[in-house]
Amino acid sequence: MKDTFLEIVELENGDIVLRPAHDEGEEECPPLAVLKISDDTKDYLKDRYFELAKRMFHAGIDFVYSEGFEDLDDYDELEEEELPRILH
């Protein structure tokens, strides 16, 4: 991906997206990531839900550019037990 500025934007439908920034008159690029925060969570966090979204996107960006994840081509070759886990 070429070097570009990224922006975090809340869309009219309530989704919060991470996308390449664009200038007025330029066509919008599709989002790189979409985050849906439930209405219950938004009510609980009040105006801080957007800060939560920003921190989540920043954590993802930090992960991608962290040591050990520099060569994305090698990521597909990792053993299953080495892949990141999602805990619920």
PDB file of N, CA and C in Angstrom:
ATOM      1  N   MET A   1       0.850  -1.170   0.000  1.00  0.00           N
ATOM      2  CA  MET A   1       0.000   0.000   0.000  1.00  0.00           C
ATOM      3  C   MET A   1       0.894   1.230   0.000  1.00  0.00           C
ATOM      4  N   LYS A   2       0.600   2.185  -0.861  1.00  0.00           N
ATOM      5  CA  LYS A   2       1.420   3.390  -0.923  1.00  0.00           C
ATOM      6  C   LYS A   2       1.226   4.221   0.336  1.00  0.00           C
ATOM      7  N   ASP A   3       2.209   5.086   0.602  1.00  0.00           N
ATOM      8  CA  ASP A   3       2.106   5.961   1.768  1.00  0.00           C
ATOM      9  C   ASP A   3       0.960   6.940   1.568  1.00  0.00           C
ATOM     10  N   THR A   4       0.120   7.046   2.570  1.00  0.00           N
ATOM     11  CA  THR A   4      -1.008   7.963   2.502  1.00  0.00           C
ATOM     12  C   THR A   4      -1.438   8.289   3.924  1.00  0.00           C
ATOM     13  N   PHE A   5      -2.170   9.368   4.062  1.00  0.00           N
ATOM     14  CA  PHE A   5      -2.744   9.698   5.357  1.00  0.00           C
ATOM     15  C   PHE A   5      -4.035   8.915   5.523  1.00  0.00           C
ATOM     16  N   LEU A   6      -4.296   8.499   6.740  1.00  0.00           N
ATOM     17  CA  LEU A   6      -5.529   7.782   7.043  1.00  0.00           C
ATOM     18  C   LEU A   6      -6.421   8.661   7.897  1.00  0.00           C
ATOM     19  N   GLU A   7      -7.728   8.446   7.779  1.00  0.00           N
ATOM     20  CA  GLU A   7      -8.675   9.180   8.615  1.00  0.00           C
ATOM     21  C   GLU A   7      -9.664   8.202   9.223  1.00  0.00           C
ATOM     22  N   ILE A   8     -10.149   8.577  10.394  1.00  0.00           N
ATOM     23  CA  ILE A   8     -11.178   7.805  11.085  1.00  0.00           C
ATOM     24  C   ILE A   8     -12.435   8.659  11.061  1.00  0.00           C
ATOM     25  N   VAL A   9     -13.493   8.111  10.480  1.00  0.00           N
ATOM     26  CA  VAL A   9     -14.705   8.887  10.225  1.00  0.00           C
ATOM     27  C   VAL A   9     -15.925   8.091  10.660  1.00  0.00           C
ATOM     28  N   GLU A  10     -16.893   8.786  11.262  1.00  0.00           N
ATOM     29  CA  GLU A  10     -18.179   8.155  11.551  1.00  0.00           C
ATOM     30  C   GLU A  10     -19.119   8.453  10.391  1.00  0.00           C
ATOM     31  N   LEU A  11     -19.638   7.407   9.774  1.00  0.00           N
ATOM     32  CA  LEU A  11     -20.543   7.556   8.642  1.00  0.00           C
ATOM     33  C   LEU A  11     -21.964   7.829   9.124  1.00  0.00           C
ATOM     34  N   GLU A  12     -22.813   8.235   8.199  1.00  0.00           N
ATOM     35  CA  GLU A  12     -24.205   8.545   8.538  1.00  0.00           C
ATOM     36  C   GLU A  12     -24.934   7.351   9.139  1.00  0.00           C
ATOM     37  N   ASN A  13     -24.556   6.132   8.739  1.00  0.00           N
ATOM     38  CA  ASN A  13     -25.224   4.932   9.259  1.00  0.00           C
ATOM     39  C   ASN A  13     -24.697   4.506  10.630  1.00  0.00           C
ATOM     40  N   GLY A  14     -23.738   5.263  11.179  1.00  0.00           N
ATOM     41  CA  GLY A  14     -23.202   4.966  12.502  1.00  0.00           C
ATOM     42  C   GLY A  14     -21.924   4.149  12.497  1.00  0.00           C
ATOM     43  N   ASP A  15     -21.569   3.567  11.347  1.00  0.00           N
ATOM     44  CA  ASP A  15     -20.307   2.833  11.254  1.00  0.00           C
ATOM     45  C   ASP A  15     -19.148   3.806  11.402  1.00  0.00           C
ATOM     46  N   ILE A  16     -18.084   3.340  12.023  1.00  0.00           N
ATOM     47  CA  ILE A  16     -16.862   4.131  12.124  1.00  0.00           C
ATOM     48  C   ILE A  16     -15.835   3.418  11.264  1.00  0.00           C
ATOM     49  N   VAL A  17     -15.230   4.156  10.326  1.00  0.00           N
ATOM     50  CA  VAL A  17     -14.344   3.533   9.351  1.00  0.00           C
ATOM     51  C   VAL A  17     -12.954   4.137   9.399  1.00  0.00           C
ATOM     52  N   LEU A  18     -11.989   3.319   9.034  1.00  0.00           N
ATOM     53  CA  LEU A  18     -10.617   3.753   8.801  1.00  0.00           C
ATOM     54  C   LEU A  18     -10.437   3.716   7.295  1.00  0.00           C
ATOM     55  N   ARG A  19     -10.070   4.855   6.717  1.00  0.00           N
ATOM     56  CA  ARG A  19      -9.936   4.918   5.263  1.00  0.00           C
ATOM     57  C   ARG A  19      -8.838   5.902   4.885  1.00  0.00           C
ATOM     58  N   PRO A  20      -8.327   5.782   3.659  1.00  0.00           N
ATOM     59  CA  PRO A  20      -7.369   6.774   3.193  1.00  0.00           C
ATOM     60  C   PRO A  20      -8.051   8.139   3.101  1.00  0.00           C
ATOM     61  N   ALA A  21      -7.353   9.171   3.559  1.00  0.00           N
ATOM     62  CA  ALA A  21      -7.901  10.528   3.488  1.00  0.00           C
ATOM     63  C   ALA A  21      -7.961  10.959   2.024  1.00  0.00           C
ATOM     64  N   HIS A  22      -8.907  11.818   1.718  1.00  0.00           N
ATOM     65  CA  HIS A  22      -9.033  12.337   0.357  1.00  0.00           C
ATOM     66  C   HIS A  22      -9.319  13.832   0.421  1.00  0.00           C
ATOM     67  N   ASP A  23      -8.979  14.529  -0.649  1.00  0.00           N
ATOM     68  CA  ASP A  23      -9.235  15.961  -0.738  1.00  0.00           C
ATOM     69  C   ASP A  23     -10.619  16.195  -1.315  1.00  0.00           C
ATOM     70  N   GLU A  24     -11.117  17.408  -1.109  1.00  0.00           N
ATOM     71  CA  GLU A  24     -12.414  17.779  -1.685  1.00  0.00           C
ATOM     72  C   GLU A  24     -12.387  17.524  -3.189  1.00  0.00           C
ATOM     73  N   GLY A  25     -13.438  16.935  -3.709  1.00  0.00           N
ATOM     74  CA  GLY A  25     -13.536  16.668  -5.133  1.00  0.00           C
ATOM     75  C   GLY A  25     -12.942  15.333  -5.552  1.00  0.00           C
ATOM     76  N   GLU A  26     -12.100  14.749  -4.710  1.00  0.00           N
ATOM     77  CA  GLU A  26     -11.545  13.432  -5.018  1.00  0.00           C
ATOM     78  C   GLU A  26     -12.549  12.351  -4.647  1.00  0.00           C
ATOM     79  N   GLU A  27     -12.479  11.249  -5.353  1.00  0.00           N
ATOM     80  CA  GLU A  27     -13.349  10.118  -5.042  1.00  0.00           C
ATOM     81  C   GLU A  27     -12.898   9.468  -3.734  1.00  0.00           C
ATOM     82  N   GLU A  28     -13.855   9.122  -2.889  1.00  0.00           N
ATOM     83  CA  GLU A  28     -13.538   8.455  -1.626  1.00  0.00           C
ATOM     84  C   GLU A  28     -13.079   7.030  -1.895  1.00  0.00           C
ATOM     85  N   CYS A  29     -12.052   6.618  -1.187  1.00  0.00           N
ATOM     86  CA  CYS A  29     -11.581   5.232  -1.265  1.00  0.00           C
ATOM     87  C   CYS A  29     -12.444   4.377  -0.344  1.00  0.00           C
ATOM     88  N   PRO A  30     -12.583   3.107  -0.663  1.00  0.00           N
ATOM     89  CA  PRO A  30     -13.327   2.233   0.250  1.00  0.00           C
ATOM     90  C   PRO A  30     -12.591   2.117   1.583  1.00  0.00           C
ATOM     91  N   PRO A  31     -13.317   1.882   2.659  1.00  0.00           N
ATOM     92  CA  PRO A  31     -12.671   1.779   3.972  1.00  0.00           C
ATOM     93  C   PRO A  31     -11.732   0.581   4.049  1.00  0.00           C
ATOM     94  N   LEU A  32     -10.681   0.749   4.838  1.00  0.00           N
ATOM     95  CA  LEU A  32      -9.755  -0.346   5.114  1.00  0.00           C
ATOM     96  C   LEU A  32     -10.308  -1.237   6.213  1.00  0.00           C
ATOM     97  N   ALA A  33     -11.080  -0.633   7.119  1.00  0.00           N
ATOM     98  CA  ALA A  33     -11.687  -1.370   8.226  1.00  0.00           C
ATOM     99  C   ALA A  33     -12.966  -0.656   8.639  1.00  0.00           C
ATOM    100  N   VAL A  34     -13.936  -1.423   9.093  1.00  0.00           N
ATOM    101  CA  VAL A  34     -15.219  -0.881   9.542  1.00  0.00           C
ATOM    102  C   VAL A  34     -15.470  -1.386  10.958  1.00  0.00           C
ATOM    103  N   LEU A  35     -15.885  -0.471  11.822  1.00  0.00           N
ATOM    104  CA  LEU A  35     -16.174  -0.817  13.211  1.00  0.00           C
ATOM    105  C   LEU A  35     -17.620  -0.442  13.509  1.00  0.00           C
ATOM    106  N   LYS A  36     -18.367  -1.396  14.033  1.00  0.00           N
ATOM    107  CA  LYS A  36     -19.750  -1.147  14.448  1.00  0.00           C
ATOM    108  C   LYS A  36     -19.789  -1.192  15.967  1.00  0.00           C
ATOM    109  N   ILE A  37     -20.231  -0.119  16.569  1.00  0.00           N
ATOM    110  CA  ILE A  37     -20.369  -0.059  18.023  1.00  0.00           C
ATOM    111  C   ILE A  37     -21.857  -0.049  18.325  1.00  0.00           C
ATOM    112  N   SER A  38     -22.291  -0.946  19.180  1.00  0.00           N
ATOM    113  CA  SER A  38     -23.719  -1.079  19.468  1.00  0.00           C
ATOM    114  C   SER A  38     -24.264   0.187  20.122  1.00  0.00           C
ATOM    115  N   ASP A  39     -25.557   0.388  19.965  1.00  0.00           N
ATOM    116  CA  ASP A  39     -26.212   1.543  20.584  1.00  0.00           C
ATOM    117  C   ASP A  39     -26.086   1.494  22.102  1.00  0.00           C
ATOM    118  N   ASP A  40     -26.170   0.292  22.684  1.00  0.00           N
ATOM    119  CA  ASP A  40     -26.010   0.163  24.138  1.00  0.00           C
ATOM    120  C   ASP A  40     -24.633   0.645  24.581  1.00  0.00           C
ATOM    121  N   THR A  41     -23.610   0.269  23.824  1.00  0.00           N
ATOM    122  CA  THR A  41     -22.254   0.701  24.163  1.00  0.00           C
ATOM    123  C   THR A  41     -22.110   2.200  23.983  1.00  0.00           C
ATOM    124  N   LYS A  42     -22.682   2.738  22.916  1.00  0.00           N
ATOM    125  CA  LYS A  42     -22.629   4.193  22.698  1.00  0.00           C
ATOM    126  C   LYS A  42     -23.321   4.929  23.838  1.00  0.00           C
ATOM    127  N   ASP A  43     -24.475   4.416  24.283  1.00  0.00           N
ATOM    128  CA  ASP A  43     -25.187   5.044  25.402  1.00  0.00           C
ATOM    129  C   ASP A  43     -24.349   5.003  26.675  1.00  0.00           C
ATOM    130  N   TYR A  44     -23.689   3.877  26.904  1.00  0.00           N
ATOM    131  CA  TYR A  44     -22.875   3.718  28.110  1.00  0.00           C
ATOM    132  C   TYR A  44     -21.657   4.646  28.080  1.00  0.00           C
ATOM    133  N   LEU A  45     -21.002   4.718  26.936  1.00  0.00           N
ATOM    134  CA  LEU A  45     -19.774   5.515  26.825  1.00  0.00           C
ATOM    135  C   LEU A  45     -20.027   6.994  26.545  1.00  0.00           C
ATOM    136  N   LYS A  46     -21.258   7.331  26.189  1.00  0.00           N
ATOM    137  CA  LYS A  46     -21.614   8.710  25.809  1.00  0.00           C
ATOM    138  C   LYS A  46     -20.726   9.135  24.634  1.00  0.00           C
ATOM    139  N   ASP A  47     -20.078  10.283  24.737  1.00  0.00           N
ATOM    140  CA  ASP A  47     -19.266  10.786  23.627  1.00  0.00           C
ATOM    141  C   ASP A  47     -17.912  10.089  23.516  1.00  0.00           C
ATOM    142  N   ARG A  48     -17.595   9.219  24.459  1.00  0.00           N
ATOM    143  CA  ARG A  48     -16.275   8.573  24.456  1.00  0.00           C
ATOM    144  C   ARG A  48     -16.207   7.361  23.529  1.00  0.00           C
ATOM    145  N   TYR A  49     -17.315   6.967  22.918  1.00  0.00           N
ATOM    146  CA  TYR A  49     -17.288   5.803  22.033  1.00  0.00           C
ATOM    147  C   TYR A  49     -16.374   6.040  20.834  1.00  0.00           C
ATOM    148  N   PHE A  50     -16.287   7.285  20.371  1.00  0.00           N
ATOM    149  CA  PHE A  50     -15.416   7.572  19.225  1.00  0.00           C
ATOM    150  C   PHE A  50     -13.948   7.429  19.631  1.00  0.00           C
ATOM    151  N   GLU A  51     -13.626   7.811  20.861  1.00  0.00           N
ATOM    152  CA  GLU A  51     -12.262   7.624  21.370  1.00  0.00           C
ATOM    153  C   GLU A  51     -11.935   6.130  21.441  1.00  0.00           C
ATOM    154  N   LEU A  52     -12.900   5.309  21.837  1.00  0.00           N
ATOM    155  CA  LEU A  52     -12.713   3.860  21.847  1.00  0.00           C
ATOM    156  C   LEU A  52     -12.381   3.366  20.439  1.00  0.00           C
ATOM    157  N   ALA A  53     -13.130   3.824  19.454  1.00  0.00           N
ATOM    158  CA  ALA A  53     -12.886   3.415  18.068  1.00  0.00           C
ATOM    159  C   ALA A  53     -11.486   3.828  17.618  1.00  0.00           C
ATOM    160  N   LYS A  54     -11.086   5.050  17.935  1.00  0.00           N
ATOM    161  CA  LYS A  54      -9.750   5.514  17.548  1.00  0.00           C
ATOM    162  C   LYS A  54      -8.672   4.631  18.156  1.00  0.00           C
ATOM    163  N   ARG A  55      -8.829   4.300  19.420  1.00  0.00           N
ATOM    164  CA  ARG A  55      -7.820   3.466  20.091  1.00  0.00           C
ATOM    165  C   ARG A  55      -7.779   2.058  19.505  1.00  0.00           C
ATOM    166  N   MET A  56      -8.926   1.533  19.112  1.00  0.00           N
ATOM    167  CA  MET A  56      -8.955   0.202  18.508  1.00  0.00           C
ATOM    168  C   MET A  56      -8.240   0.209  17.157  1.00  0.00           C
ATOM    169  N   PHE A  57      -8.505   1.230  16.343  1.00  0.00           N
ATOM    170  CA  PHE A  57      -7.826   1.325  15.048  1.00  0.00           C
ATOM    171  C   PHE A  57      -6.324   1.526  15.235  1.00  0.00           C
ATOM    172  N   HIS A  58      -5.941   2.379  16.189  1.00  0.00           N
ATOM    173  CA  HIS A  58      -4.515   2.612  16.440  1.00  0.00           C
ATOM    174  C   HIS A  58      -3.823   1.327  16.895  1.00  0.00           C
ATOM    175  N   ALA A  59      -4.490   0.539  17.715  1.00  0.00           N
ATOM    176  CA  ALA A  59      -3.909  -0.732  18.158  1.00  0.00           C
ATOM    177  C   ALA A  59      -3.687  -1.662  16.965  1.00  0.00           C
ATOM    178  N   GLY A  60      -4.624  -1.686  16.051  1.00  0.00           N
ATOM    179  CA  GLY A  60      -4.472  -2.508  14.852  1.00  0.00           C
ATOM    180  C   GLY A  60      -3.325  -2.044  13.974  1.00  0.00           C
ATOM    181  N   ILE A  61      -3.206  -0.740  13.804  1.00  0.00           N
ATOM    182  CA  ILE A  61      -2.105  -0.185  13.008  1.00  0.00           C
ATOM    183  C   ILE A  61      -0.772  -0.492  13.676  1.00  0.00           C
ATOM    184  N   ASP A  62      -0.703  -0.315  14.994  1.00  0.00           N
ATOM    185  CA  ASP A  62       0.530  -0.628  15.726  1.00  0.00           C
ATOM    186  C   ASP A  62       0.907  -2.095  15.544  1.00  0.00           C
ATOM    187  N   PHE A  63      -0.081  -2.972  15.582  1.00  0.00           N
ATOM    188  CA  PHE A  63       0.173  -4.402  15.404  1.00  0.00           C
ATOM    189  C   PHE A  63       0.771  -4.684  14.028  1.00  0.00           C
ATOM    190  N   VAL A  64       0.188  -4.092  12.992  1.00  0.00           N
ATOM    191  CA  VAL A  64       0.653  -4.340  11.630  1.00  0.00           C
ATOM    192  C   VAL A  64       2.092  -3.871  11.443  1.00  0.00           C
ATOM    193  N   TYR A  65       2.446  -2.762  12.066  1.00  0.00           N
ATOM    194  CA  TYR A  65       3.791  -2.216  11.887  1.00  0.00           C
ATOM    195  C   TYR A  65       4.746  -2.613  13.006  1.00  0.00           C
ATOM    196  N   SER A  66       4.351  -3.552  13.838  1.00  0.00           N
ATOM    197  CA  SER A  66       5.215  -3.979  14.939  1.00  0.00           C
ATOM    198  C   SER A  66       6.293  -4.935  14.436  1.00  0.00           C
ATOM    199  N   GLU A  67       7.319  -5.082  15.254  1.00  0.00           N
ATOM    200  CA  GLU A  67       8.394  -6.014  14.930  1.00  0.00           C
ATOM    201  C   GLU A  67       7.817  -7.423  14.864  1.00  0.00           C
ATOM    202  N   GLY A  68       8.247  -8.189  13.901  1.00  0.00           N
ATOM    203  CA  GLY A  68       7.748  -9.545  13.751  1.00  0.00           C
ATOM    204  C   GLY A  68       6.587  -9.637  12.782  1.00  0.00           C
ATOM    205  N   PHE A  69       6.084  -8.522  12.332  1.00  0.00           N
ATOM    206  CA  PHE A  69       4.983  -8.516  11.370  1.00  0.00           C
ATOM    207  C   PHE A  69       5.365  -7.642  10.186  1.00  0.00           C
ATOM    208  N   GLU A  70       6.673  -7.443  10.007  1.00  0.00           N
ATOM    209  CA  GLU A  70       7.153  -6.532   8.977  1.00  0.00           C
ATOM    210  C   GLU A  70       6.986  -7.097   7.576  1.00  0.00           C
ATOM    211  N   ASP A  71       7.173  -8.383   7.407  1.00  0.00           N
ATOM    212  CA  ASP A  71       7.084  -8.989   6.089  1.00  0.00           C
ATOM    213  C   ASP A  71       5.751  -9.722   5.967  1.00  0.00           C
ATOM    214  N   LEU A  72       4.778  -9.072   5.364  1.00  0.00           N
ATOM    215  CA  LEU A  72       3.433  -9.636   5.276  1.00  0.00           C
ATOM    216  C   LEU A  72       3.393 -10.918   4.456  1.00  0.00           C
ATOM    217  N   ASP A  73       4.336 -11.092   3.521  1.00  0.00           N
ATOM    218  CA  ASP A  73       4.351 -12.309   2.709  1.00  0.00           C
ATOM    219  C   ASP A  73       4.616 -13.546   3.559  1.00  0.00           C
ATOM    220  N   ASP A  74       5.400 -13.393   4.613  1.00  0.00           N
ATOM    221  CA  ASP A  74       5.714 -14.523   5.479  1.00  0.00           C
ATOM    222  C   ASP A  74       4.559 -14.884   6.405  1.00  0.00           C
ATOM    223  N   TYR A  75       3.582 -13.989   6.565  1.00  0.00           N
ATOM    224  CA  TYR A  75       2.485 -14.216   7.499  1.00  0.00           C
ATOM    225  C   TYR A  75       1.674 -15.451   7.118  1.00  0.00           C
ATOM    226  N   ASP A  76       1.474 -15.682   5.821  1.00  0.00           N
ATOM    227  CA  ASP A  76       0.696 -16.833   5.366  1.00  0.00           C
ATOM    228  C   ASP A  76       1.379 -18.153   5.692  1.00  0.00           C
ATOM    229  N   GLU A  77       2.684 -18.119   5.892  1.00  0.00           N
ATOM    230  CA  GLU A  77       3.436 -19.340   6.118  1.00  0.00           C
ATOM    231  C   GLU A  77       3.528 -19.725   7.593  1.00  0.00           C
ATOM    232  N   LEU A  78       2.979 -18.929   8.491  1.00  0.00           N
ATOM    233  CA  LEU A  78       3.055 -19.229   9.913  1.00  0.00           C
ATOM    234  C   LEU A  78       2.249 -20.482  10.240  1.00  0.00           C
ATOM    235  N   GLU A  79       2.736 -21.224  11.181  1.00  0.00           N
ATOM    236  CA  GLU A  79       2.000 -22.384  11.657  1.00  0.00           C
ATOM    237  C   GLU A  79       0.725 -21.910  12.350  1.00  0.00           C
ATOM    238  N   GLU A  80      -0.305 -22.733  12.338  1.00  0.00           N
ATOM    239  CA  GLU A  80      -1.589 -22.345  12.915  1.00  0.00           C
ATOM    240  C   GLU A  80      -1.457 -21.903  14.364  1.00  0.00           C
ATOM    241  N   GLU A  81      -0.625 -22.589  15.153  1.00  0.00           N
ATOM    242  CA  GLU A  81      -0.499 -22.222  16.564  1.00  0.00           C
ATOM    243  C   GLU A  81       0.207 -20.885  16.757  1.00  0.00           C
ATOM    244  N   GLU A  82       0.875 -20.361  15.716  1.00  0.00           N
ATOM    245  CA  GLU A  82       1.550 -19.076  15.812  1.00  0.00           C
ATOM    246  C   GLU A  82       0.633 -17.911  15.449  1.00  0.00           C
ATOM    247  N   LEU A  83      -0.499 -18.193  14.840  1.00  0.00           N
ATOM    248  CA  LEU A  83      -1.405 -17.131  14.413  1.00  0.00           C
ATOM    249  C   LEU A  83      -2.068 -16.486  15.618  1.00  0.00           C
ATOM    250  N   PRO A  84      -2.379 -15.187  15.517  1.00  0.00           N
ATOM    251  CA  PRO A  84      -3.061 -14.509  16.630  1.00  0.00           C
ATOM    252  C   PRO A  84      -4.405 -15.169  16.928  1.00  0.00           C
ATOM    253  N   ARG A  85      -4.761 -15.206  18.166  1.00  0.00           N
ATOM    254  CA  ARG A  85      -6.031 -15.780  18.612  1.00  0.00           C
ATOM    255  C   ARG A  85      -7.002 -14.661  18.966  1.00  0.00           C
ATOM    256  N   ILE A  86      -8.274 -14.936  18.807  1.00  0.00           N
ATOM    257  CA  ILE A  86      -9.319 -14.007  19.228  1.00  0.00           C
ATOM    258  C   ILE A  86     -10.010 -14.638  20.421  1.00  0.00           C
ATOM    259  N   LEU A  87     -10.031 -13.934  21.525  1.00  0.00           N
ATOM    260  CA  LEU A  87     -10.676 -14.427  22.738  1.00  0.00           C
ATOM    261  C   LEU A  87     -11.972 -13.678  22.952  1.00  0.00           C
ATOM    262  N   HIS A  88     -13.003 -14.409  23.252  1.00  0.00           N
ATOM    263  CA  HIS A  88     -14.309 -13.787  23.506  1.00  0.00           C
ATOM    264  C   HIS A  88     -14.708 -14.036  24.932  1.00  0.00           C
TER     265      HIS A  88
END
